[in-house]
Amino acid sequence: MKKRIFLTGASGFIGRNIVELLGTKYQILAPSHNELNLLDTEAVKVFMQKNPVDVLIHTANIGGKKTEAHIQNFVSLNLRIFFNIIRCSSHFKRMIYLGSGAEFGKQLPIHQVKEIDFGKRIPSDDFGLYKYTVASFIEETKMPIYNLRLFGIYGKYEEYRFRLISNIICQVLFDIPITIRRNALFDYLYIDDFIMILDNFINIAPQFKTYNVGCGKSEYLLNIVTNILSIMKKPQKIKILEKGFNNEYTCSTERLHNEIPSFKYSNFEETVKTLAEWYRRRRSHIKKTDILQLV
C-alpha cells in the first residue's frame, strides 16, 4: 500500500520535482490553488477531513521572491497558511516543512551554522522573519513536524532569471557575456539530491525536529561559475560587477549525515551536464531578455 502524501506548492520549483521523482512511489495529493485555497481556513479543514494522509509536505510560499516583490503582507499570509494546516494535524501522521537558511538572519554572514545556532539573532528581513517564526514553533511543538532547512539549491524548474547556476547555464547557451553581481561563499545542493533526502525523511523517525540540508561544503560563486564554463566547454572571462563579497551562506550538515550516513551526493559535473541539456531542449521557450537579469 502506497503512503498517501499531501503536497502543497506542487506547481513550484521544488514541488514539481517532488511530483516527478516521487509520484510513482507514493500517492501524492497535490491540489492546485484553484482546487484548494490554502488561505481559506474552512476549505483547508474540509479538504483534509476528506483526505487524511500519512505525510504532509509543505513547500508552498507566497512572496519573498524577486518576482513577487509587489506582494504585501506576505508574512501574515504565509503564517495563516501554515496554521490553517497545523490546526488539522489530526488528519496527517507527520509533516515535513521546508525551511530556509534565512532563519539565521542573512543581514550578517552565515558561516557553517549548526542547528544549535538557531535563535542567536533575529532575521531583519520579512522572509527570514516568517521562516524564523515557523521554525521556532516547530522546535517547541510536540507535534510530529520536521523542518528541513534549505540553503542553496539548484535544478530544473528553478527561476533561471535570478538563480545563479541556471542563469549561468542559460547565459552560456545564448552566448551572453558572463556576469555575476558579487562573489560570495555558498552551499549548493542539487534538487535530485534533496528529493532523495526528503524521501528518507518520509520513511524514518527523525531524532531531531530540524535539519540543515546542504552539501556541507563552502564554494565561492566565482569558482562555481568557472567550473560551469569548463564543464560546458565555453571558456570566457567572467565580469564581477561589484567589488568585495556578499555575506556567506553556508551550513554544517553533521546532523543530517548522522541521520542518513549512507547518503551520497551527486557529482557536480554530471548535474551541470544534465541541467544544461535540459535547458538546451527548452531553448526555444527561454527569453534571452530574461537571462540578462543579473544574478
C-alpha atoms as a PDB file:
ATOM      1  CA  MET A   1       0.000   0.000   0.000  1.00  0.00           C
ATOM      2  CA  LYS A   2       1.494   3.310  -1.079  1.00  0.00           C
ATOM      3  CA  LYS A   3       1.810   6.070   1.514  1.00  0.00           C
ATOM      4  CA  ARG A   4      -0.534   8.980   0.940  1.00  0.00           C
ATOM      5  CA  ILE A   5       1.118  12.391   0.770  1.00  0.00           C
ATOM      6  CA  PHE A   6      -0.493  15.829   0.708  1.00  0.00           C
ATOM      7  CA  LEU A   7       1.884  18.173  -1.116  1.00  0.00           C
ATOM      8  CA  THR A   8       1.430  21.943  -1.056  1.00  0.00           C
ATOM      9  CA  GLY A   9       3.133  24.126  -3.642  1.00  0.00           C
ATOM     10  CA  ALA A  10       3.200  21.388  -6.276  1.00  0.00           C
ATOM     11  CA  SER A  11       3.478  23.920  -9.111  1.00  0.00           C
ATOM     12  CA  GLY A  12       6.664  25.467  -7.725  1.00  0.00           C
ATOM     13  CA  PHE A  13      10.323  24.621  -8.330  1.00  0.00           C
ATOM     14  CA  ILE A  14      10.669  22.041  -5.567  1.00  0.00           C
ATOM     15  CA  GLY A  15       7.084  20.805  -5.721  1.00  0.00           C
ATOM     16  CA  ARG A  16       7.296  19.928  -9.408  1.00  0.00           C
ATOM     17  CA  ASN A  17      10.457  17.924  -8.820  1.00  0.00           C
ATOM     18  CA  ILE A  18       8.843  16.077  -5.914  1.00  0.00           C
ATOM     19  CA  VAL A  19       5.905  15.063  -8.095  1.00  0.00           C
ATOM     20  CA  GLU A  20       8.179  13.911 -10.937  1.00  0.00           C
ATOM     21  CA  LEU A  21      10.626  11.933  -8.808  1.00  0.00           C
ATOM     22  CA  LEU A  22       8.324  10.524  -6.130  1.00  0.00           C
ATOM     23  CA  GLY A  23       4.963  10.469  -7.897  1.00  0.00           C
ATOM     24  CA  THR A  24       5.092   6.765  -8.712  1.00  0.00           C
ATOM     25  CA  LYS A  25       6.423   5.715  -5.305  1.00  0.00           C
ATOM     26  CA  TYR A  26       3.701   7.468  -3.308  1.00  0.00           C
ATOM     27  CA  GLN A  27       0.094   8.507  -3.791  1.00  0.00           C
ATOM     28  CA  ILE A  28       0.507  12.270  -3.925  1.00  0.00           C
ATOM     29  CA  LEU A  29      -2.418  14.643  -3.470  1.00  0.00           C
ATOM     30  CA  ALA A  30      -1.360  17.966  -4.968  1.00  0.00           C
ATOM     31  CA  PRO A  31      -4.354  20.294  -5.368  1.00  0.00           C
ATOM     32  CA  SER A  32      -3.822  23.456  -7.370  1.00  0.00           C
ATOM     33  CA  HIS A  33      -4.676  26.883  -5.972  1.00  0.00           C
ATOM     34  CA  ASN A  34      -7.947  26.773  -7.887  1.00  0.00           C
ATOM     35  CA  GLU A  35      -8.776  23.457  -6.264  1.00  0.00           C
ATOM     36  CA  LEU A  36      -7.755  24.497  -2.753  1.00  0.00           C
ATOM     37  CA  ASN A  37      -7.021  27.994  -1.458  1.00  0.00           C
ATOM     38  CA  LEU A  38      -4.679  27.418   1.487  1.00  0.00           C
ATOM     39  CA  LEU A  39      -5.629  30.829   2.883  1.00  0.00           C
ATOM     40  CA  ASP A  40      -9.222  29.645   3.283  1.00  0.00           C
ATOM     41  CA  THR A  41      -9.323  28.160   6.780  1.00  0.00           C
ATOM     42  CA  GLU A  42     -12.576  26.273   6.318  1.00  0.00           C
ATOM     43  CA  ALA A  43     -11.636  24.962   2.869  1.00  0.00           C
ATOM     44  CA  VAL A  44      -8.376  23.541   4.228  1.00  0.00           C
ATOM     45  CA  LYS A  45     -10.261  21.865   7.075  1.00  0.00           C
ATOM     46  CA  VAL A  46     -12.824  20.282   4.760  1.00  0.00           C
ATOM     47  CA  PHE A  47     -10.161  19.085   2.305  1.00  0.00           C
ATOM     48  CA  MET A  48      -8.033  17.478   4.995  1.00  0.00           C
ATOM     49  CA  GLN A  49     -11.021  15.862   6.677  1.00  0.00           C
ATOM     50  CA  LYS A  50     -11.897  14.237   3.365  1.00  0.00           C
ATOM     51  CA  ASN A  51      -8.281  13.366   2.527  1.00  0.00           C
ATOM     52  CA  PRO A  52      -6.342  12.069   5.551  1.00  0.00           C
ATOM     53  CA  VAL A  53      -2.710  11.324   4.676  1.00  0.00           C
ATOM     54  CA  ASP A  54       0.391   9.731   6.105  1.00  0.00           C
ATOM     55  CA  VAL A  55       2.680  12.685   5.399  1.00  0.00           C
ATOM     56  CA  LEU A  56       2.065  16.344   4.627  1.00  0.00           C
ATOM     57  CA  ILE A  57       4.900  18.106   2.762  1.00  0.00           C
ATOM     58  CA  HIS A  58       4.581  21.875   2.932  1.00  0.00           C
ATOM     59  CA  THR A  59       6.536  23.636   0.170  1.00  0.00           C
ATOM     60  CA  ALA A  60       4.089  26.462  -0.665  1.00  0.00           C
ATOM     61  CA  ASN A  61       5.213  30.064  -0.139  1.00  0.00           C
ATOM     62  CA  ILE A  62       3.664  33.405  -1.028  1.00  0.00           C
ATOM     63  CA  GLY A  63       6.050  36.270  -1.761  1.00  0.00           C
ATOM     64  CA  GLY A  64       9.666  36.600  -0.699  1.00  0.00           C
ATOM     65  CA  LYS A  65      10.967  36.220  -4.270  1.00  0.00           C
ATOM     66  CA  LYS A  66      12.264  38.909  -6.630  1.00  0.00           C
ATOM     67  CA  THR A  67       9.359  38.175  -8.946  1.00  0.00           C
ATOM     68  CA  GLU A  68       6.884  38.679  -6.080  1.00  0.00           C
ATOM     69  CA  ALA A  69       8.202  41.930  -4.631  1.00  0.00           C
ATOM     70  CA  HIS A  70       4.790  43.512  -5.190  1.00  0.00           C
ATOM     71  CA  ILE A  71       3.035  41.183  -2.728  1.00  0.00           C
ATOM     72  CA  GLN A  72       2.187  42.920   0.527  1.00  0.00           C
ATOM     73  CA  ASN A  73       1.782  41.323   3.966  1.00  0.00           C
ATOM     74  CA  PHE A  74       3.254  38.034   2.792  1.00  0.00           C
ATOM     75  CA  VAL A  75       4.490  37.226   6.306  1.00  0.00           C
ATOM     76  CA  SER A  76       0.952  37.132   7.684  1.00  0.00           C
ATOM     77  CA  LEU A  77      -0.295  35.320   4.563  1.00  0.00           C
ATOM     78  CA  ASN A  78       2.277  32.552   4.942  1.00  0.00           C
ATOM     79  CA  LEU A  79       1.677  32.233   8.666  1.00  0.00           C
ATOM     80  CA  ARG A  80      -2.057  31.930   8.023  1.00  0.00           C
ATOM     81  CA  ILE A  81      -1.422  29.115   5.556  1.00  0.00           C
ATOM     82  CA  PHE A  82       0.875  27.320   7.993  1.00  0.00           C
ATOM     83  CA  PHE A  83      -1.553  27.484  10.897  1.00  0.00           C
ATOM     84  CA  ASN A  84      -4.525  26.609   8.688  1.00  0.00           C
ATOM     85  CA  ILE A  85      -2.666  23.357   8.087  1.00  0.00           C
ATOM     86  CA  ILE A  86      -1.465  22.869  11.665  1.00  0.00           C
ATOM     87  CA  ARG A  87      -4.956  23.076  13.113  1.00  0.00           C
ATOM     88  CA  CYS A  88      -5.818  19.992  11.020  1.00  0.00           C
ATOM     89  CA  SER A  89      -2.945  17.917  12.404  1.00  0.00           C
ATOM     90  CA  SER A  90      -5.282  15.064  13.327  1.00  0.00           C
ATOM     91  CA  HIS A  91      -5.585  14.345   9.599  1.00  0.00           C
ATOM     92  CA  PHE A  92      -1.889  13.649   8.957  1.00  0.00           C
ATOM     93  CA  LYS A  93       0.632  11.483  10.790  1.00  0.00           C
ATOM     94  CA  ARG A  94       3.701  13.581  10.027  1.00  0.00           C
ATOM     95  CA  MET A  95       4.505  16.937   8.488  1.00  0.00           C
ATOM     96  CA  ILE A  96       7.677  17.967   6.689  1.00  0.00           C
ATOM     97  CA  TYR A  97       8.178  21.707   6.325  1.00  0.00           C
ATOM     98  CA  LEU A  98      10.797  23.284   4.063  1.00  0.00           C
ATOM     99  CA  GLY A  99      12.640  25.935   5.985  1.00  0.00           C
ATOM    100  CA  SER A 100      15.423  28.280   4.914  1.00  0.00           C
ATOM    101  CA  GLY A 101      18.890  29.306   5.969  1.00  0.00           C
ATOM    102  CA  ALA A 102      17.368  32.803   6.135  1.00  0.00           C
ATOM    103  CA  GLU A 103      16.119  31.743   9.578  1.00  0.00           C
ATOM    104  CA  PHE A 104      19.631  32.542  10.839  1.00  0.00           C
ATOM    105  CA  GLY A 105      19.448  36.176   9.676  1.00  0.00           C
ATOM    106  CA  LYS A 106      21.056  36.957   6.314  1.00  0.00           C
ATOM    107  CA  GLN A 107      21.900  40.509   7.400  1.00  0.00           C
ATOM    108  CA  LEU A 108      25.211  39.032   8.614  1.00  0.00           C
ATOM    109  CA  PRO A 109      27.390  36.197   7.252  1.00  0.00           C
ATOM    110  CA  ILE A 110      26.030  32.705   7.877  1.00  0.00           C
ATOM    111  CA  HIS A 111      29.154  30.566   8.234  1.00  0.00           C
ATOM    112  CA  GLN A 112      28.850  26.794   8.600  1.00  0.00           C
ATOM    113  CA  VAL A 113      25.983  27.274  11.045  1.00  0.00           C
ATOM    114  CA  LYS A 114      24.754  24.367  13.111  1.00  0.00           C
ATOM    115  CA  GLU A 115      21.182  23.768  14.151  1.00  0.00           C
ATOM    116  CA  ILE A 116      22.076  24.734  17.722  1.00  0.00           C
ATOM    117  CA  ASP A 117      22.989  28.236  16.455  1.00  0.00           C
ATOM    118  CA  PHE A 118      19.340  28.953  15.673  1.00  0.00           C
ATOM    119  CA  GLY A 119      17.925  31.877  17.654  1.00  0.00           C
ATOM    120  CA  LYS A 120      21.200  33.698  18.225  1.00  0.00           C
ATOM    121  CA  ARG A 121      19.877  36.540  16.082  1.00  0.00           C
ATOM    122  CA  ILE A 122      16.541  37.584  14.633  1.00  0.00           C
ATOM    123  CA  PRO A 123      16.330  37.997  10.834  1.00  0.00           C
ATOM    124  CA  SER A 124      15.958  41.616   9.752  1.00  0.00           C
ATOM    125  CA  ASP A 125      14.077  40.811   6.534  1.00  0.00           C
ATOM    126  CA  ASP A 126      10.424  39.786   6.326  1.00  0.00           C
ATOM    127  CA  PHE A 127      11.025  36.468   4.568  1.00  0.00           C
ATOM    128  CA  GLY A 128      13.597  35.433   7.153  1.00  0.00           C
ATOM    129  CA  LEU A 129      11.278  36.522   9.967  1.00  0.00           C
ATOM    130  CA  TYR A 130       8.436  34.377   8.607  1.00  0.00           C
ATOM    131  CA  LYS A 131      10.715  31.351   8.342  1.00  0.00           C
ATOM    132  CA  TYR A 132      12.156  32.058  11.798  1.00  0.00           C
ATOM    133  CA  THR A 133       8.672  32.198  13.337  1.00  0.00           C
ATOM    134  CA  VAL A 134       7.651  28.846  11.867  1.00  0.00           C
ATOM    135  CA  ALA A 135      10.989  27.253  12.755  1.00  0.00           C
ATOM    136  CA  SER A 136      10.586  28.403  16.359  1.00  0.00           C
ATOM    137  CA  PHE A 137       7.118  26.851  16.535  1.00  0.00           C
ATOM    138  CA  ILE A 138       8.400  23.557  15.133  1.00  0.00           C
ATOM    139  CA  GLU A 139      11.208  23.388  17.677  1.00  0.00           C
ATOM    140  CA  GLU A 140       8.806  23.874  20.565  1.00  0.00           C
ATOM    141  CA  THR A 141       5.794  21.821  19.488  1.00  0.00           C
ATOM    142  CA  LYS A 142       5.316  18.170  20.376  1.00  0.00           C
ATOM    143  CA  MET A 143       3.572  17.595  17.042  1.00  0.00           C
ATOM    144  CA  PRO A 144       5.455  15.347  14.560  1.00  0.00           C
ATOM    145  CA  ILE A 145       6.569  18.274  12.400  1.00  0.00           C
ATOM    146  CA  TYR A 146      10.083  18.424  10.954  1.00  0.00           C
ATOM    147  CA  ASN A 147      11.938  21.355   9.420  1.00  0.00           C
ATOM    148  CA  LEU A 148      14.288  20.597   6.518  1.00  0.00           C
ATOM    149  CA  ARG A 149      16.214  23.852   6.394  1.00  0.00           C
ATOM    150  CA  LEU A 150      17.409  24.549   2.851  1.00  0.00           C
ATOM    151  CA  PHE A 151      20.308  26.746   1.805  1.00  0.00           C
ATOM    152  CA  GLY A 152      21.378  26.969  -1.853  1.00  0.00           C
ATOM    153  CA  ILE A 153      19.522  24.563  -4.146  1.00  0.00           C
ATOM    154  CA  TYR A 154      19.516  24.275  -7.943  1.00  0.00           C
ATOM    155  CA  GLY A 155      17.929  22.252 -10.715  1.00  0.00           C
ATOM    156  CA  LYS A 156      15.251  22.165 -13.386  1.00  0.00           C
ATOM    157  CA  TYR A 157      12.188  24.397 -12.963  1.00  0.00           C
ATOM    158  CA  GLU A 158      14.067  26.928 -10.819  1.00  0.00           C
ATOM    159  CA  GLU A 159      13.785  30.632 -11.684  1.00  0.00           C
ATOM    160  CA  TYR A 160      16.575  30.892 -14.273  1.00  0.00           C
ATOM    161  CA  ARG A 161      16.357  34.690 -14.391  1.00  0.00           C
ATOM    162  CA  PHE A 162      17.754  35.012 -10.876  1.00  0.00           C
ATOM    163  CA  ARG A 163      19.143  31.661  -9.673  1.00  0.00           C
ATOM    164  CA  LEU A 164      22.897  31.534 -10.225  1.00  0.00           C
ATOM    165  CA  ILE A 165      23.564  28.086 -11.667  1.00  0.00           C
ATOM    166  CA  SER A 166      20.619  28.019 -14.078  1.00  0.00           C
ATOM    167  CA  ASN A 167      21.229  31.654 -15.039  1.00  0.00           C
ATOM    168  CA  ILE A 168      24.869  30.987 -15.904  1.00  0.00           C
ATOM    169  CA  ILE A 169      23.962  27.882 -17.930  1.00  0.00           C
ATOM    170  CA  CYS A 170      21.446  29.956 -19.900  1.00  0.00           C
ATOM    171  CA  GLN A 171      23.977  32.766 -20.403  1.00  0.00           C
ATOM    172  CA  VAL A 172      26.318  30.199 -21.952  1.00  0.00           C
ATOM    173  CA  LEU A 173      23.602  28.713 -24.168  1.00  0.00           C
ATOM    174  CA  PHE A 174      22.769  32.165 -25.550  1.00  0.00           C
ATOM    175  CA  ASP A 175      26.419  33.285 -25.835  1.00  0.00           C
ATOM    176  CA  ILE A 176      25.854  36.122 -23.407  1.00  0.00           C
ATOM    177  CA  PRO A 177      28.974  37.595 -21.701  1.00  0.00           C
ATOM    178  CA  ILE A 178      29.179  36.064 -18.248  1.00  0.00           C
ATOM    179  CA  THR A 179      28.480  38.398 -15.348  1.00  0.00           C
ATOM    180  CA  ILE A 180      27.833  37.915 -11.654  1.00  0.00           C
ATOM    181  CA  ARG A 181      26.931  40.718  -9.318  1.00  0.00           C
ATOM    182  CA  ARG A 182      29.290  39.931  -6.432  1.00  0.00           C
ATOM    183  CA  ASN A 183      31.297  36.963  -5.209  1.00  0.00           C
ATOM    184  CA  ALA A 184      30.271  35.045  -2.082  1.00  0.00           C
ATOM    185  CA  LEU A 185      30.638  31.709  -0.334  1.00  0.00           C
ATOM    186  CA  PHE A 186      27.621  29.436  -0.816  1.00  0.00           C
ATOM    187  CA  ASP A 187      26.490  25.882  -0.174  1.00  0.00           C
ATOM    188  CA  TYR A 188      24.619  24.475  -3.193  1.00  0.00           C
ATOM    189  CA  LEU A 189      22.592  21.254  -3.303  1.00  0.00           C
ATOM    190  CA  TYR A 190      21.249  19.566  -6.443  1.00  0.00           C
ATOM    191  CA  ILE A 191      17.465  19.201  -6.494  1.00  0.00           C
ATOM    192  CA  ASP A 192      17.550  15.424  -7.110  1.00  0.00           C
ATOM    193  CA  ASP A 193      19.750  15.008  -4.029  1.00  0.00           C
ATOM    194  CA  PHE A 194      17.294  16.992  -1.966  1.00  0.00           C
ATOM    195  CA  ILE A 195      14.391  14.846  -3.161  1.00  0.00           C
ATOM    196  CA  MET A 196      16.271  11.712  -2.103  1.00  0.00           C
ATOM    197  CA  ILE A 197      16.938  13.269   1.307  1.00  0.00           C
ATOM    198  CA  LEU A 198      13.254  14.129   1.559  1.00  0.00           C
ATOM    199  CA  ASP A 199      12.372  10.540   0.643  1.00  0.00           C
ATOM    200  CA  ASN A 200      14.419   9.342   3.611  1.00  0.00           C
ATOM    201  CA  PHE A 201      12.537  11.666   5.962  1.00  0.00           C
ATOM    202  CA  ILE A 202       9.217  10.413   4.664  1.00  0.00           C
ATOM    203  CA  ASN A 203      10.141   6.957   5.903  1.00  0.00           C
ATOM    204  CA  ILE A 204      12.314   7.392   9.017  1.00  0.00           C
ATOM    205  CA  ALA A 205      11.541   8.649  12.509  1.00  0.00           C
ATOM    206  CA  PRO A 206      13.983  11.585  12.791  1.00  0.00           C
ATOM    207  CA  GLN A 207      15.862  12.111  16.027  1.00  0.00           C
ATOM    208  CA  PHE A 208      15.585  15.917  15.854  1.00  0.00           C
ATOM    209  CA  LYS A 209      12.948  18.430  14.754  1.00  0.00           C
ATOM    210  CA  THR A 210      15.235  20.449  12.462  1.00  0.00           C
ATOM    211  CA  TYR A 211      17.990  19.582   9.995  1.00  0.00           C
ATOM    212  CA  ASN A 212      20.230  21.808   7.907  1.00  0.00           C
ATOM    213  CA  VAL A 213      20.070  20.486   4.353  1.00  0.00           C
ATOM    214  CA  GLY A 214      23.005  21.198   2.074  1.00  0.00           C
ATOM    215  CA  CYS A 215      26.289  19.668   0.973  1.00  0.00           C
ATOM    216  CA  GLY A 216      28.159  20.977   3.983  1.00  0.00           C
ATOM    217  CA  LYS A 217      30.789  22.437   1.649  1.00  0.00           C
ATOM    218  CA  SER A 218      31.602  26.092   1.032  1.00  0.00           C
ATOM    219  CA  GLU A 219      32.320  27.219  -2.525  1.00  0.00           C
ATOM    220  CA  TYR A 220      32.867  30.677  -3.978  1.00  0.00           C
ATOM    221  CA  LEU A 221      30.320  31.684  -6.607  1.00  0.00           C
ATOM    222  CA  LEU A 222      33.191  32.656  -8.911  1.00  0.00           C
ATOM    223  CA  ASN A 223      34.594  29.133  -8.675  1.00  0.00           C
ATOM    224  CA  ILE A 224      31.169  27.630  -9.341  1.00  0.00           C
ATOM    225  CA  VAL A 225      30.764  29.752 -12.468  1.00  0.00           C
ATOM    226  CA  THR A 226      34.288  28.890 -13.621  1.00  0.00           C
ATOM    227  CA  ASN A 227      33.528  25.187 -13.198  1.00  0.00           C
ATOM    228  CA  ILE A 228      30.281  25.521 -15.171  1.00  0.00           C
ATOM    229  CA  LEU A 229      32.131  27.171 -18.064  1.00  0.00           C
ATOM    230  CA  SER A 230      34.733  24.403 -18.017  1.00  0.00           C
ATOM    231  CA  ILE A 231      32.092  21.657 -17.939  1.00  0.00           C
ATOM    232  CA  MET A 232      30.196  23.268 -20.818  1.00  0.00           C
ATOM    233  CA  LYS A 233      33.477  23.834 -22.686  1.00  0.00           C
ATOM    234  CA  LYS A 234      32.878  27.574 -23.013  1.00  0.00           C
ATOM    235  CA  PRO A 235      35.987  29.286 -21.650  1.00  0.00           C
ATOM    236  CA  GLN A 236      35.456  33.025 -21.358  1.00  0.00           C
ATOM    237  CA  LYS A 237      36.102  35.865 -18.981  1.00  0.00           C
ATOM    238  CA  ILE A 238      33.765  36.455 -16.063  1.00  0.00           C
ATOM    239  CA  LYS A 239      32.812  40.000 -15.146  1.00  0.00           C
ATOM    240  CA  ILE A 240      32.110  40.720 -11.470  1.00  0.00           C
ATOM    241  CA  LEU A 241      30.082  43.921 -11.198  1.00  0.00           C
ATOM    242  CA  GLU A 242      30.713  44.791  -7.544  1.00  0.00           C
ATOM    243  CA  LYS A 243      33.921  44.533  -5.539  1.00  0.00           C
ATOM    244  CA  GLY A 244      34.145  42.681  -2.257  1.00  0.00           C
ATOM    245  CA  PHE A 245      31.976  39.817  -1.071  1.00  0.00           C
ATOM    246  CA  ASN A 246      28.348  39.271  -0.225  1.00  0.00           C
ATOM    247  CA  ASN A 247      27.571  37.595   3.067  1.00  0.00           C
ATOM    248  CA  GLU A 248      28.467  33.925   3.286  1.00  0.00           C
ATOM    249  CA  TYR A 249      25.560  31.469   3.247  1.00  0.00           C
ATOM    250  CA  THR A 250      26.760  28.020   4.341  1.00  0.00           C
ATOM    251  CA  CYS A 251      25.794  25.380   6.860  1.00  0.00           C
ATOM    252  CA  SER A 252      27.047  22.384   8.800  1.00  0.00           C
ATOM    253  CA  THR A 253      25.301  19.165   7.766  1.00  0.00           C
ATOM    254  CA  GLU A 254      26.729  16.976  10.515  1.00  0.00           C
ATOM    255  CA  ARG A 255      23.291  16.294  11.993  1.00  0.00           C
ATOM    256  CA  LEU A 256      21.886  15.334   8.576  1.00  0.00           C
ATOM    257  CA  HIS A 257      24.780  12.982   7.853  1.00  0.00           C
ATOM    258  CA  ASN A 258      24.386  11.299  11.225  1.00  0.00           C
ATOM    259  CA  GLU A 259      20.699  10.727  10.427  1.00  0.00           C
ATOM    260  CA  ILE A 260      21.295   9.246   6.955  1.00  0.00           C
ATOM    261  CA  PRO A 261      25.008   8.304   6.951  1.00  0.00           C
ATOM    262  CA  SER A 262      24.835   6.262   3.743  1.00  0.00           C
ATOM    263  CA  PHE A 263      23.653   9.181   1.610  1.00  0.00           C
ATOM    264  CA  LYS A 264      25.904  10.091  -1.338  1.00  0.00           C
ATOM    265  CA  TYR A 265      25.748  13.413  -3.188  1.00  0.00           C
ATOM    266  CA  SER A 266      25.635  13.680  -6.951  1.00  0.00           C
ATOM    267  CA  ASN A 267      28.756  14.666  -8.874  1.00  0.00           C
ATOM    268  CA  PHE A 268      28.613  18.399  -9.667  1.00  0.00           C
ATOM    269  CA  GLU A 269      29.908  17.956 -13.211  1.00  0.00           C
ATOM    270  CA  GLU A 270      27.217  15.413 -14.015  1.00  0.00           C
ATOM    271  CA  THR A 271      24.454  17.583 -12.551  1.00  0.00           C
ATOM    272  CA  VAL A 272      25.558  20.581 -14.635  1.00  0.00           C
ATOM    273  CA  LYS A 273      25.648  18.454 -17.795  1.00  0.00           C
ATOM    274  CA  THR A 274      22.165  17.130 -17.050  1.00  0.00           C
ATOM    275  CA  LEU A 275      20.764  20.573 -16.298  1.00  0.00           C
ATOM    276  CA  ALA A 276      22.438  22.153 -19.339  1.00  0.00           C
ATOM    277  CA  GLU A 277      20.919  19.503 -21.604  1.00  0.00           C
ATOM    278  CA  TRP A 278      17.511  20.124 -20.034  1.00  0.00           C
ATOM    279  CA  TYR A 279      17.790  23.828 -20.890  1.00  0.00           C
ATOM    280  CA  ARG A 280      19.055  23.082 -24.416  1.00  0.00           C
ATOM    281  CA  ARG A 281      15.888  21.085 -25.117  1.00  0.00           C
ATOM    282  CA  ARG A 282      13.821  24.056 -23.930  1.00  0.00           C
ATOM    283  CA  ARG A 283      15.894  26.806 -25.518  1.00  0.00           C
ATOM    284  CA  SER A 284      13.005  27.971 -27.715  1.00  0.00           C
ATOM    285  CA  HIS A 285      10.922  28.655 -24.587  1.00  0.00           C
ATOM    286  CA  ILE A 286      13.565  30.805 -22.884  1.00  0.00           C
ATOM    287  CA  LYS A 287      13.614  34.561 -23.372  1.00  0.00           C
ATOM    288  CA  LYS A 288      17.082  35.984 -23.868  1.00  0.00           C
ATOM    289  CA  THR A 289      15.982  39.266 -22.294  1.00  0.00           C
ATOM    290  CA  ASP A 290      15.062  37.363 -19.122  1.00  0.00           C
ATOM    291  CA  ILE A 291      18.544  35.871 -18.852  1.00  0.00           C
ATOM    292  CA  LEU A 292      20.023  39.352 -18.795  1.00  0.00           C
ATOM    293  CA  GLN A 293      18.530  39.834 -15.319  1.00  0.00           C
ATOM    294  CA  LEU A 294      21.676  39.852 -13.190  1.00  0.00           C
ATOM    295  CA  VAL A 295      22.046  37.166 -10.532  1.00  0.00           C
END
